[in-house]
PDB file of N, CA and C in Angstrom:
ATOM      1  N   VAL A   1     119.619 -70.686-120.254  1.00  0.00           N
ATOM      2  CA  VAL A   1     118.557 -71.606-119.861  1.00  0.00           C
ATOM      3  C   VAL A   1     118.450 -71.596-118.345  1.00  0.00           C
ATOM      4  N   GLN A   2     117.231 -71.444-117.853  1.00  0.00           N
ATOM      5  CA  GLN A   2     116.978 -71.501-116.411  1.00  0.00           C
ATOM      6  C   GLN A   2     116.219 -72.789-116.114  1.00  0.00           C
ATOM      7  N   LEU A   3     116.542 -73.390-114.987  1.00  0.00           N
ATOM      8  CA  LEU A   3     115.971 -74.687-114.614  1.00  0.00           C
ATOM      9  C   LEU A   3     115.352 -74.614-113.234  1.00  0.00           C
ATOM     10  N   VAL A   4     114.192 -75.240-113.085  1.00  0.00           N
ATOM     11  CA  VAL A   4     113.520 -75.311-111.785  1.00  0.00           C
ATOM     12  C   VAL A   4     113.117 -76.754-111.535  1.00  0.00           C
ATOM     13  N   GLU A   5     113.658 -77.326-110.468  1.00  0.00           N
ATOM     14  CA  GLU A   5     113.331 -78.692-110.087  1.00  0.00           C
ATOM     15  C   GLU A   5     112.188 -78.700-109.077  1.00  0.00           C
ATOM     16  N   SER A   6     111.392 -79.757-109.129  1.00  0.00           N
ATOM     17  CA  SER A   6     110.300 -79.919-108.168  1.00  0.00           C
ATOM     18  C   SER A   6     109.965 -81.399-108.043  1.00  0.00           C
ATOM     19  N   GLY A   7     109.163 -81.701-107.029  1.00  0.00           N
ATOM     20  CA  GLY A   7     108.666 -83.061-106.876  1.00  0.00           C
ATOM     21  C   GLY A   7     109.310 -83.864-105.769  1.00  0.00           C
ATOM     22  N   GLY A   8     110.311 -83.310-105.117  1.00  0.00           N
ATOM     23  CA  GLY A   8     110.954 -84.035-104.035  1.00  0.00           C
ATOM     24  C   GLY A   8     110.058 -84.126-102.816  1.00  0.00           C
ATOM     25  N   GLY A   9     110.533 -84.880-101.829  1.00  0.00           N
ATOM     26  CA  GLY A   9     109.768 -85.027-100.603  1.00  0.00           C
ATOM     27  C   GLY A   9     110.318 -86.128 -99.730  1.00  0.00           C
ATOM     28  N   LEU A  10     109.533 -86.456 -98.713  1.00  0.00           N
ATOM     29  CA  LEU A  10     109.891 -87.523 -97.778  1.00  0.00           C
ATOM     30  C   LEU A  10     109.052 -88.751 -98.114  1.00  0.00           C
ATOM     31  N   VAL A  11     109.710 -89.879 -98.276  1.00  0.00           N
ATOM     32  CA  VAL A  11     109.010 -91.108 -98.639  1.00  0.00           C
ATOM     33  C   VAL A  11     109.655 -92.272 -97.914  1.00  0.00           C
ATOM     34  N   GLN A  12     108.876 -93.290 -97.636  1.00  0.00           N
ATOM     35  CA  GLN A  12     109.428 -94.486 -97.007  1.00  0.00           C
ATOM     36  C   GLN A  12     110.152 -95.353 -98.032  1.00  0.00           C
ATOM     37  N   ALA A  13     111.077 -96.144 -97.564  1.00  0.00           N
ATOM     38  CA  ALA A  13     111.789 -97.074 -98.440  1.00  0.00           C
ATOM     39  C   ALA A  13     110.781 -97.939 -99.186  1.00  0.00           C
ATOM     40  N   GLY A  14     111.040 -98.115-100.470  1.00  0.00           N
ATOM     41  CA  GLY A  14     110.124 -98.859-101.319  1.00  0.00           C
ATOM     42  C   GLY A  14     109.111 -97.997-102.030  1.00  0.00           C
ATOM     43  N   GLY A  15     109.026 -96.751-101.640  1.00  0.00           N
ATOM     44  CA  GLY A  15     108.071 -95.841-102.242  1.00  0.00           C
ATOM     45  C   GLY A  15     108.562 -95.242-103.546  1.00  0.00           C
ATOM     46  N   SER A  16     107.750 -94.328-104.077  1.00  0.00           N
ATOM     47  CA  SER A  16     108.052 -93.711-105.373  1.00  0.00           C
ATOM     48  C   SER A  16     107.900 -92.196-105.313  1.00  0.00           C
ATOM     49  N   LEU A  17     108.633 -91.526-106.157  1.00  0.00           N
ATOM     50  CA  LEU A  17     108.508 -90.093-106.369  1.00  0.00           C
ATOM     51  C   LEU A  17     108.753 -89.801-107.846  1.00  0.00           C
ATOM     52  N   ARG A  18     108.176 -88.706-108.318  1.00  0.00           N
ATOM     53  CA  ARG A  18     108.419 -88.255-109.681  1.00  0.00           C
ATOM     54  C   ARG A  18     108.929 -86.831-109.640  1.00  0.00           C
ATOM     55  N   LEU A  19     110.140 -86.642-110.079  1.00  0.00           N
ATOM     56  CA  LEU A  19     110.735 -85.315-110.123  1.00  0.00           C
ATOM     57  C   LEU A  19     110.489 -84.671-111.486  1.00  0.00           C
ATOM     58  N   SER A  20     110.378 -83.354-111.485  1.00  0.00           N
ATOM     59  CA  SER A  20     110.227 -82.593-112.718  1.00  0.00           C
ATOM     60  C   SER A  20     111.294 -81.514-112.796  1.00  0.00           C
ATOM     61  N   CYS A  21     111.712 -81.214-114.002  1.00  0.00           N
ATOM     62  CA  CYS A  21     112.673 -80.138-114.244  1.00  0.00           C
ATOM     63  C   CYS A  21     112.118 -79.296-115.383  1.00  0.00           C
ATOM     64  N   ALA A  22     111.704 -78.087-115.060  1.00  0.00           N
ATOM     65  CA  ALA A  22     111.129 -77.183-116.050  1.00  0.00           C
ATOM     66  C   ALA A  22     112.197 -76.221-116.539  1.00  0.00           C
ATOM     67  N   ALA A  23     112.372 -76.159-117.843  1.00  0.00           N
ATOM     68  CA  ALA A  23     113.366 -75.274-118.442  1.00  0.00           C
ATOM     69  C   ALA A  23     112.688 -74.063-119.057  1.00  0.00           C
ATOM     70  N   SER A  24     113.363 -72.938-118.981  1.00  0.00           N
ATOM     71  CA  SER A  24     112.865 -71.712-119.597  1.00  0.00           C
ATOM     72  C   SER A  24     114.047 -70.951-120.179  1.00  0.00           C
ATOM     73  N   GLY A  25     113.735 -69.924-120.935  1.00  0.00           N
ATOM     74  CA  GLY A  25     114.793 -69.153-121.577  1.00  0.00           C
ATOM     75  C   GLY A  25     115.082 -69.700-122.965  1.00  0.00           C
ATOM     76  N   SER A  26     116.335 -69.892-123.267  1.00  0.00           N
ATOM     77  CA  SER A  26     116.747 -70.345-124.601  1.00  0.00           C
ATOM     78  C   SER A  26     116.591 -71.858-124.741  1.00  0.00           C
ATOM     79  N   THR A  27     115.378 -72.326-124.608  1.00  0.00           N
ATOM     80  CA  THR A  27     115.139 -73.777-124.608  1.00  0.00           C
ATOM     81  C   THR A  27     115.423 -74.408-125.967  1.00  0.00           C
ATOM     82  N   PHE A  28     115.412 -73.600-127.028  1.00  0.00           N
ATOM     83  CA  PHE A  28     115.693 -74.125-128.357  1.00  0.00           C
ATOM     84  C   PHE A  28     117.126 -74.647-128.454  1.00  0.00           C
ATOM     85  N   SER A  29     117.978 -74.200-127.538  1.00  0.00           N
ATOM     86  CA  SER A  29     119.391 -74.573-127.581  1.00  0.00           C
ATOM     87  C   SER A  29     119.706 -75.853-126.810  1.00  0.00           C
ATOM     88  N   ILE A  30     118.689 -76.422-126.153  1.00  0.00           N
ATOM     89  CA  ILE A  30     118.934 -77.589-125.298  1.00  0.00           C
ATOM     90  C   ILE A  30     119.171 -78.841-126.110  1.00  0.00           C
ATOM     91  N   ASP A  31     120.236 -79.528-125.804  1.00  0.00           N
ATOM     92  CA  ASP A  31     120.564 -80.815-126.426  1.00  0.00           C
ATOM     93  C   ASP A  31     120.254 -81.905-125.406  1.00  0.00           C
ATOM     94  N   ALA A  32     121.260 -82.433-124.757  1.00  0.00           N
ATOM     95  CA  ALA A  32     121.041 -83.481-123.757  1.00  0.00           C
ATOM     96  C   ALA A  32     120.653 -82.878-122.407  1.00  0.00           C
ATOM     97  N   MET A  33     119.993 -83.674-121.604  1.00  0.00           N
ATOM     98  CA  MET A  33     119.591 -83.258-120.265  1.00  0.00           C
ATOM     99  C   MET A  33     119.971 -84.360-119.282  1.00  0.00           C
ATOM    100  N   GLY A  34     120.105 -83.975-118.027  1.00  0.00           N
ATOM    101  CA  GLY A  34     120.471 -84.982-117.046  1.00  0.00           C
ATOM    102  C   GLY A  34     120.018 -84.639-115.651  1.00  0.00           C
ATOM    103  N   TRP A  35     119.878 -85.680-114.852  1.00  0.00           N
ATOM    104  CA  TRP A  35     119.592 -85.540-113.430  1.00  0.00           C
ATOM    105  C   TRP A  35     120.856 -85.895-112.646  1.00  0.00           C
ATOM    106  N   TYR A  36     121.141 -85.080-111.646  1.00  0.00           N
ATOM    107  CA  TYR A  36     122.279 -85.281-110.764  1.00  0.00           C
ATOM    108  C   TYR A  36     121.759 -85.322-109.334  1.00  0.00           C
ATOM    109  N   ARG A  37     122.579 -85.835-108.426  1.00  0.00           N
ATOM    110  CA  ARG A  37     122.225 -85.780-107.021  1.00  0.00           C
ATOM    111  C   ARG A  37     123.480 -85.589-106.181  1.00  0.00           C
ATOM    112  N   GLN A  38     123.265 -84.987-105.025  1.00  0.00           N
ATOM    113  CA  GLN A  38     124.361 -84.774-104.095  1.00  0.00           C
ATOM    114  C   GLN A  38     123.884 -85.094-102.691  1.00  0.00           C
ATOM    115  N   ALA A  39     124.471 -86.121-102.128  1.00  0.00           N
ATOM    116  CA  ALA A  39     124.163 -86.507-100.756  1.00  0.00           C
ATOM    117  C   ALA A  39     125.109 -85.768 -99.818  1.00  0.00           C
ATOM    118  N   PRO A  40     124.728 -85.617 -98.566  1.00  0.00           N
ATOM    119  CA  PRO A  40     125.589 -84.912 -97.600  1.00  0.00           C
ATOM    120  C   PRO A  40     126.981 -85.526 -97.540  1.00  0.00           C
ATOM    121  N   GLY A  41     127.994 -84.684 -97.678  1.00  0.00           N
ATOM    122  CA  GLY A  41     129.368 -85.146 -97.578  1.00  0.00           C
ATOM    123  C   GLY A  41     129.888 -85.859 -98.801  1.00  0.00           C
ATOM    124  N   LYS A  42     129.098 -85.904 -99.858  1.00  0.00           N
ATOM    125  CA  LYS A  42     129.517 -86.605-101.073  1.00  0.00           C
ATOM    126  C   LYS A  42     129.536 -85.658-102.257  1.00  0.00           C
ATOM    127  N   GLN A  43     130.243 -86.070-103.297  1.00  0.00           N
ATOM    128  CA  GLN A  43     130.287 -85.271-104.511  1.00  0.00           C
ATOM    129  C   GLN A  43     128.999 -85.442-105.306  1.00  0.00           C
ATOM    130  N   ARG A  44     128.690 -84.435-106.084  1.00  0.00           N
ATOM    131  CA  ARG A  44     127.530 -84.525-106.957  1.00  0.00           C
ATOM    132  C   ARG A  44     127.802 -85.571-108.038  1.00  0.00           C
ATOM    133  N   GLU A  45     126.799 -86.406-108.310  1.00  0.00           N
ATOM    134  CA  GLU A  45     126.973 -87.451-109.310  1.00  0.00           C
ATOM    135  C   GLU A  45     125.846 -87.409-110.325  1.00  0.00           C
ATOM    136  N   LEU A  46     126.180 -87.836-111.544  1.00  0.00           N
ATOM    137  CA  LEU A  46     125.177 -87.949-112.594  1.00  0.00           C
ATOM    138  C   LEU A  46     124.367 -89.222-112.353  1.00  0.00           C
ATOM    139  N   VAL A  47     123.068 -89.070-112.246  1.00  0.00           N
ATOM    140  CA  VAL A  47     122.173 -90.195-111.997  1.00  0.00           C
ATOM    141  C   VAL A  47     121.630 -90.766-113.300  1.00  0.00           C
ATOM    142  N   ALA A  48     121.195 -89.882-114.188  1.00  0.00           N
ATOM    143  CA  ALA A  48     120.603 -90.326-115.443  1.00  0.00           C
ATOM    144  C   ALA A  48     120.718 -89.226-116.484  1.00  0.00           C
ATOM    145  N   GLY A  49     120.847 -89.627-117.738  1.00  0.00           N
ATOM    146  CA  GLY A  49     120.922 -88.669-118.826  1.00  0.00           C
ATOM    147  C   GLY A  49     120.022 -89.086-119.965  1.00  0.00           C
ATOM    148  N   ILE A  50     119.622 -88.108-120.773  1.00  0.00           N
ATOM    149  CA  ILE A  50     118.734 -88.385-121.889  1.00  0.00           C
ATOM    150  C   ILE A  50     119.126 -87.507-123.067  1.00  0.00           C
ATOM    151  N   SER A  51     119.052 -88.080-124.257  1.00  0.00           N
ATOM    152  CA  SER A  51     119.442 -87.355-125.459  1.00  0.00           C
ATOM    153  C   SER A  51     118.359 -86.356-125.864  1.00  0.00           C
ATOM    154  N   SER A  52     118.657 -85.572-126.878  1.00  0.00           N
ATOM    155  CA  SER A  52     117.760 -84.487-127.276  1.00  0.00           C
ATOM    156  C   SER A  52     116.372 -84.995-127.664  1.00  0.00           C
ATOM    157  N   GLY A  53     116.319 -86.098-128.374  1.00  0.00           N
ATOM    158  CA  GLY A  53     115.031 -86.628-128.800  1.00  0.00           C
ATOM    159  C   GLY A  53     114.436 -87.620-127.839  1.00  0.00           C
ATOM    160  N   GLY A  54     115.180 -87.964-126.806  1.00  0.00           N
ATOM    161  CA  GLY A  54     114.689 -88.910-125.812  1.00  0.00           C
ATOM    162  C   GLY A  54     114.946 -90.365-126.144  1.00  0.00           C
ATOM    163  N   GLY A  55     115.561 -90.616-127.295  1.00  0.00           N
ATOM    164  CA  GLY A  55     115.737 -91.999-127.711  1.00  0.00           C
ATOM    165  C   GLY A  55     116.895 -92.719-127.050  1.00  0.00           C
ATOM    166  N   SER A  56     117.776 -91.976-126.421  1.00  0.00           N
ATOM    167  CA  SER A  56     118.929 -92.586-125.759  1.00  0.00           C
ATOM    168  C   SER A  56     118.987 -92.131-124.317  1.00  0.00           C
ATOM    169  N   THR A  57     119.096 -93.103-123.420  1.00  0.00           N
ATOM    170  CA  THR A  57     119.175 -92.791-122.001  1.00  0.00           C
ATOM    171  C   THR A  57     120.328 -93.571-121.376  1.00  0.00           C
ATOM    172  N   ASN A  58     120.806 -93.079-120.258  1.00  0.00           N
ATOM    173  CA  ASN A  58     121.834 -93.796-119.519  1.00  0.00           C
ATOM    174  C   ASN A  58     121.629 -93.553-118.036  1.00  0.00           C
ATOM    175  N   TYR A  59     122.048 -94.520-117.221  1.00  0.00           N
ATOM    176  CA  TYR A  59     121.827 -94.469-115.780  1.00  0.00           C
ATOM    177  C   TYR A  59     123.086 -94.926-115.039  1.00  0.00           C
ATOM    178  N   VAL A  60     123.265 -94.367-113.862  1.00  0.00           N
ATOM    179  CA  VAL A  60     124.295 -94.894-112.979  1.00  0.00           C
ATOM    180  C   VAL A  60     123.832 -96.263-112.510  1.00  0.00           C
ATOM    181  N   ASP A  61     124.769 -97.168-112.283  1.00  0.00           N
ATOM    182  CA  ASP A  61     124.406 -98.551-111.977  1.00  0.00           C
ATOM    183  C   ASP A  61     123.464 -98.671-110.787  1.00  0.00           C
ATOM    184  N   SER A  62     123.623 -97.813-109.801  1.00  0.00           N
ATOM    185  CA  SER A  62     122.860 -97.946-108.564  1.00  0.00           C
ATOM    186  C   SER A  62     121.358 -97.681-108.735  1.00  0.00           C
ATOM    187  N   VAL A  63     120.951 -97.093-109.845  1.00  0.00           N
ATOM    188  CA  VAL A  63     119.527 -96.791-110.035  1.00  0.00           C
ATOM    189  C   VAL A  63     118.918 -97.544-111.212  1.00  0.00           C
ATOM    190  N   LYS A  64     119.725 -98.297-111.928  1.00  0.00           N
ATOM    191  CA  LYS A  64     119.211 -99.034-113.082  1.00  0.00           C
ATOM    192  C   LYS A  64     118.087 -99.977-112.662  1.00  0.00           C
ATOM    193  N   GLY A  65     117.011 -99.962-113.432  1.00  0.00           N
ATOM    194  CA  GLY A  65     115.861-100.804-113.137  1.00  0.00           C
ATOM    195  C   GLY A  65     114.893-100.186-112.151  1.00  0.00           C
ATOM    196  N   ARG A  66     115.283 -99.077-111.515  1.00  0.00           N
ATOM    197  CA  ARG A  66     114.399 -98.422-110.536  1.00  0.00           C
ATOM    198  C   ARG A  66     113.982 -97.025-110.987  1.00  0.00           C
ATOM    199  N   PHE A  67     114.873 -96.325-111.650  1.00  0.00           N
ATOM    200  CA  PHE A  67     114.599 -94.953-112.092  1.00  0.00           C
ATOM    201  C   PHE A  67     114.394 -94.924-113.600  1.00  0.00           C
ATOM    202  N   THR A  68     113.536 -94.004-114.047  1.00  0.00           N
ATOM    203  CA  THR A  68     113.311 -93.812-115.473  1.00  0.00           C
ATOM    204  C   THR A  68     113.334 -92.324-115.784  1.00  0.00           C
ATOM    205  N   ILE A  69     114.190 -91.939-116.710  1.00  0.00           N
ATOM    206  CA  ILE A  69     114.273 -90.552-117.134  1.00  0.00           C
ATOM    207  C   ILE A  69     113.481 -90.378-118.419  1.00  0.00           C
ATOM    208  N   SER A  70     112.817 -89.242-118.544  1.00  0.00           N
ATOM    209  CA  SER A  70     112.058 -88.950-119.755  1.00  0.00           C
ATOM    210  C   SER A  70     112.002 -87.438-119.938  1.00  0.00           C
ATOM    211  N   ARG A  71     111.573 -87.014-121.112  1.00  0.00           N
ATOM    212  CA  ARG A  71     111.450 -85.579-121.358  1.00  0.00           C
ATOM    213  C   ARG A  71     110.293 -85.328-122.315  1.00  0.00           C
ATOM    214  N   ASP A  72     109.695 -84.167-122.151  1.00  0.00           N
ATOM    215  CA  ASP A  72     108.618 -83.713-123.019  1.00  0.00           C
ATOM    216  C   ASP A  72     109.091 -82.399-123.614  1.00  0.00           C
ATOM    217  N   ASN A  73     109.610 -82.456-124.820  1.00  0.00           N
ATOM    218  CA  ASN A  73     110.185 -81.246-125.414  1.00  0.00           C
ATOM    219  C   ASN A  73     109.138 -80.174-125.698  1.00  0.00           C
ATOM    220  N   ALA A  74     107.912 -80.580-125.914  1.00  0.00           N
ATOM    221  CA  ALA A  74     106.851 -79.592-126.149  1.00  0.00           C
ATOM    222  C   ALA A  74     106.589 -78.764-124.899  1.00  0.00           C
ATOM    223  N   LYS A  75     106.838 -79.361-123.737  1.00  0.00           N
ATOM    224  CA  LYS A  75     106.640 -78.659-122.468  1.00  0.00           C
ATOM    225  C   LYS A  75     107.954 -78.192-121.863  1.00  0.00           C
ATOM    226  N   ASN A  76     109.060 -78.440-122.552  1.00  0.00           N
ATOM    227  CA  ASN A  76     110.380 -78.065-122.026  1.00  0.00           C
ATOM    228  C   ASN A  76     110.593 -78.600-120.618  1.00  0.00           C
ATOM    229  N   THR A  77     110.207 -79.822-120.416  1.00  0.00           N
ATOM    230  CA  THR A  77     110.261 -80.422-119.088  1.00  0.00           C
ATOM    231  C   THR A  77     110.876 -81.810-119.150  1.00  0.00           C
ATOM    232  N   MET A  78     111.672 -82.114-118.149  1.00  0.00           N
ATOM    233  CA  MET A  78     112.281 -83.432-118.003  1.00  0.00           C
ATOM    234  C   MET A  78     111.779 -84.036-116.697  1.00  0.00           C
ATOM    235  N   TYR A  79     111.689 -85.346-116.676  1.00  0.00           N
ATOM    236  CA  TYR A  79     111.165 -86.044-115.505  1.00  0.00           C
ATOM    237  C   TYR A  79     112.131 -87.133-115.043  1.00  0.00           C
ATOM    238  N   LEU A  80     111.985 -87.488-113.783  1.00  0.00           N
ATOM    239  CA  LEU A  80     112.693 -88.649-113.253  1.00  0.00           C
ATOM    240  C   LEU A  80     111.709 -89.418-112.381  1.00  0.00           C
ATOM    241  N   GLN A  81     111.266 -90.555-112.887  1.00  0.00           N
ATOM    242  CA  GLN A  81     110.396 -91.431-112.108  1.00  0.00           C
ATOM    243  C   GLN A  81     111.274 -92.333-111.272  1.00  0.00           C
ATOM    244  N   MET A  82     111.091 -92.265-109.971  1.00  0.00           N
ATOM    245  CA  MET A  82     111.929 -93.023-109.044  1.00  0.00           C
ATOM    246  C   MET A  82     111.060 -94.021-108.290  1.00  0.00           C
ATOM    247  N   ASN A  83     111.300 -95.281-108.519  1.00  0.00           N
ATOM    248  CA  ASN A  83     110.560 -96.350-107.845  1.00  0.00           C
ATOM    249  C   ASN A  83     111.494 -97.145-106.935  1.00  0.00           C
ATOM    250  N   SER A  84     110.895 -97.916-106.045  1.00  0.00           N
ATOM    251  CA  SER A  84     111.678 -98.763-105.133  1.00  0.00           C
ATOM    252  C   SER A  84     112.798 -97.977-104.469  1.00  0.00           C
ATOM    253  N   LEU A  85     112.442 -96.827-103.952  1.00  0.00           N
ATOM    254  CA  LEU A  85     113.447 -95.944-103.367  1.00  0.00           C
ATOM    255  C   LEU A  85     114.107 -96.564-102.152  1.00  0.00           C
ATOM    256  N   LYS A  86     115.376 -96.241-101.987  1.00  0.00           N
ATOM    257  CA  LYS A  86     116.181 -96.751-100.886  1.00  0.00           C
ATOM    258  C   LYS A  86     116.723 -95.580-100.070  1.00  0.00           C
ATOM    259  N   PRO A  87     117.041 -95.807 -98.809  1.00  0.00           N
ATOM    260  CA  PRO A  87     117.610 -94.708 -98.000  1.00  0.00           C
ATOM    261  C   PRO A  87     118.849 -94.090 -98.648  1.00  0.00           C
ATOM    262  N   GLU A  88     119.626 -94.878 -99.365  1.00  0.00           N
ATOM    263  CA  GLU A  88     120.824 -94.338-100.006  1.00  0.00           C
ATOM    264  C   GLU A  88     120.521 -93.437-101.197  1.00  0.00           C
ATOM    265  N   ASP A  89     119.254 -93.354-101.585  1.00  0.00           N
ATOM    266  CA  ASP A  89     118.854 -92.397-102.627  1.00  0.00           C
ATOM    267  C   ASP A  89     118.637 -91.003-102.062  1.00  0.00           C
ATOM    268  N   THR A  90     118.695 -90.879-100.747  1.00  0.00           N
ATOM    269  CA  THR A  90     118.506 -89.578-100.113  1.00  0.00           C
ATOM    270  C   THR A  90     119.581 -88.598-100.580  1.00  0.00           C
ATOM    271  N   ALA A  91     119.134 -87.464-101.096  1.00  0.00           N
ATOM    272  CA  ALA A  91     120.053 -86.470-101.637  1.00  0.00           C
ATOM    273  C   ALA A  91     119.248 -85.270-102.128  1.00  0.00           C
ATOM    274  N   VAL A  92     119.962 -84.221-102.476  1.00  0.00           N
ATOM    275  CA  VAL A  92     119.352 -83.128-103.227  1.00  0.00           C
ATOM    276  C   VAL A  92     119.538 -83.459-104.707  1.00  0.00           C
ATOM    277  N   TYR A  93     118.444 -83.429-105.442  1.00  0.00           N
ATOM    278  CA  TYR A  93     118.483 -83.777-106.854  1.00  0.00           C
ATOM    279  C   TYR A  93     118.437 -82.500-107.697  1.00  0.00           C
ATOM    280  N   TYR A  94     119.316 -82.441-108.668  1.00  0.00           N
ATOM    281  CA  TYR A  94     119.437 -81.301-109.563  1.00  0.00           C
ATOM    282  C   TYR A  94     119.303 -81.750-111.011  1.00  0.00           C
ATOM    283  N   CYS A  95     118.843 -80.846-111.852  1.00  0.00           N
ATOM    284  CA  CYS A  95     118.883 -81.122-113.279  1.00  0.00           C
ATOM    285  C   CYS A  95     119.855 -80.160-113.944  1.00  0.00           C
ATOM    286  N   ASN A  96     120.322 -80.571-115.086  1.00  0.00           N
ATOM    287  CA  ASN A  96     121.212 -79.719-115.873  1.00  0.00           C
ATOM    288  C   ASN A  96     121.033 -80.082-117.334  1.00  0.00           C
ATOM    289  N   VAL A  97     121.418 -79.169-118.194  1.00  0.00           N
ATOM    290  CA  VAL A  97     121.283 -79.402-119.621  1.00  0.00           C
ATOM    291  C   VAL A  97     122.579 -79.024-120.322  1.00  0.00           C
ATOM    292  N   LYS A  98     122.798 -79.667-121.448  1.00  0.00           N
ATOM    293  CA  LYS A  98     123.914 -79.314-122.318  1.00  0.00           C
ATOM    294  C   LYS A  98     123.318 -78.734-123.594  1.00  0.00           C
ATOM    295  N   THR A  99     123.832 -77.603-123.997  1.00  0.00           N
ATOM    296  CA  THR A  99     123.319 -76.976-125.206  1.00  0.00           C
ATOM    297  C   THR A  99     124.017 -77.550-126.434  1.00  0.00           C
ATOM    298  N   TYR A 100     123.478 -77.244-127.591  1.00  0.00           N
ATOM    299  CA  TYR A 100     124.091 -77.692-128.836  1.00  0.00           C
ATOM    300  C   TYR A 100     125.468 -77.070-129.022  1.00  0.00           C
ATOM    301  N   GLY A 101     125.710 -75.979-128.329  1.00  0.00           N
ATOM    302  CA  GLY A 101     127.024 -75.347-128.385  1.00  0.00           C
ATOM    303  C   GLY A 101     128.024 -75.958-127.420  1.00  0.00           C
ATOM    304  N   GLY A 102     127.572 -76.938-126.628  1.00  0.00           N
ATOM    305  CA  GLY A 102     128.475 -77.617-125.717  1.00  0.00           C
ATOM    306  C   GLY A 102     128.527 -77.043-124.311  1.00  0.00           C
ATOM    307  N   ALA A 103     127.795 -75.983-124.063  1.00  0.00           N
ATOM    308  CA  ALA A 103     127.818 -75.375-122.730  1.00  0.00           C
ATOM    309  C   ALA A 103     126.807 -76.056-121.810  1.00  0.00           C
ATOM    310  N   PHE A 104     127.057 -75.993-120.517  1.00  0.00           N
ATOM    311  CA  PHE A 104     126.143 -76.519-119.519  1.00  0.00           C
ATOM    312  C   PHE A 104     125.452 -75.345-118.818  1.00  0.00           C
ATOM    313  N   SER A 105     124.238 -75.581-118.363  1.00  0.00           N
ATOM    314  CA  SER A 105     123.484 -74.523-117.706  1.00  0.00           C
ATOM    315  C   SER A 105     123.957 -74.331-116.267  1.00  0.00           C
ATOM    316  N   SER A 106     123.508 -73.251-115.684  1.00  0.00           N
ATOM    317  CA  SER A 106     123.749 -73.032-114.261  1.00  0.00           C
ATOM    318  C   SER A 106     122.874 -73.992-113.451  1.00  0.00           C
ATOM    319  N   TRP A 107     123.300 -74.269-112.245  1.00  0.00           N
ATOM    320  CA  TRP A 107     122.521 -75.172-111.398  1.00  0.00           C
ATOM    321  C   TRP A 107     121.300 -74.462-110.821  1.00  0.00           C
ATOM    322  N   GLY A 108     120.199 -75.191-110.723  1.00  0.00           N
ATOM    323  CA  GLY A 108     119.019 -74.669-110.042  1.00  0.00           C
ATOM    324  C   GLY A 108     119.151 -74.883-108.541  1.00  0.00           C
ATOM    325  N   GLN A 109     118.044 -74.720-107.841  1.00  0.00           N
ATOM    326  CA  GLN A 109     118.077 -74.846-106.386  1.00  0.00           C
ATOM    327  C   GLN A 109     117.993 -76.296-105.925  1.00  0.00           C
ATOM    328  N   GLY A 110     117.628 -77.178-106.822  1.00  0.00           N
ATOM    329  CA  GLY A 110     117.519 -78.585-106.472  1.00  0.00           C
ATOM    330  C   GLY A 110     116.235 -78.887-105.732  1.00  0.00           C
ATOM    331  N   THR A 111     115.965 -80.168-105.573  1.00  0.00           N
ATOM    332  CA  THR A 111     114.806 -80.615-104.810  1.00  0.00           C
ATOM    333  C   THR A 111     115.257 -81.756-103.899  1.00  0.00           C
ATOM    334  N   GLN A 112     114.871 -81.668-102.641  1.00  0.00           N
ATOM    335  CA  GLN A 112     115.333 -82.629-101.635  1.00  0.00           C
ATOM    336  C   GLN A 112     114.495 -83.908-101.700  1.00  0.00           C
ATOM    337  N   VAL A 113     115.180 -85.026-101.753  1.00  0.00           N
ATOM    338  CA  VAL A 113     114.543 -86.340-101.663  1.00  0.00           C
ATOM    339  C   VAL A 113     115.085 -87.024-100.420  1.00  0.00           C
ATOM    340  N   THR A 114     114.183 -87.404 -99.536  1.00  0.00           N
ATOM    341  CA  THR A 114     114.572 -88.089 -98.313  1.00  0.00           C
ATOM    342  C   THR A 114     113.819 -89.412 -98.229  1.00  0.00           C
ATOM    343  N   VAL A 115     114.562 -90.496 -98.119  1.00  0.00           N
ATOM    344  CA  VAL A 115     113.959 -91.826 -98.041  1.00  0.00           C
ATOM    345  C   VAL A 115     114.239 -92.397 -96.662  1.00  0.00           C
ATOM    346  N   SER A 116     113.180 -92.658 -95.928  1.00  0.00           N
ATOM    347  CA  SER A 116     113.323 -93.194 -94.574  1.00  0.00           C
ATOM    348  C   SER A 116     113.281 -94.720 -94.606  1.00  0.00           C
ATOM    349  N   SER A 117     114.000 -95.306 -93.681  1.00  0.00           N
ATOM    350  CA  SER A 117     114.061 -96.777 -93.634  1.00  0.00           C
ATOM    351  C   SER A 117     112.964 -97.347 -92.760  1.00  0.00           C
TER     352      SER A 117
END
């Protein structure tokens, strides 16, 4: 499975962005999907995850109530709607998927999100 993230940019605090993650290749094997982020000098962290059918989602506490993860399996695309952005949300955002076989995909190039105060 190959992944391409897009939708990042520079936004002021309080603003919104919508990230997209387009999957290609063996998309039939995709089970759960997730968004991760890595800020400078910090470890990569899981921000949000979504189950295969989209009925179950989970979020890191710092984004609960502000971010919404969703997926469109017909388009092999996952989204992250980010509202009320804060400077601490600044990071490179990556998507990843877990296959039904339990394997994780390779990382894409990520998309930079910068929130100015």
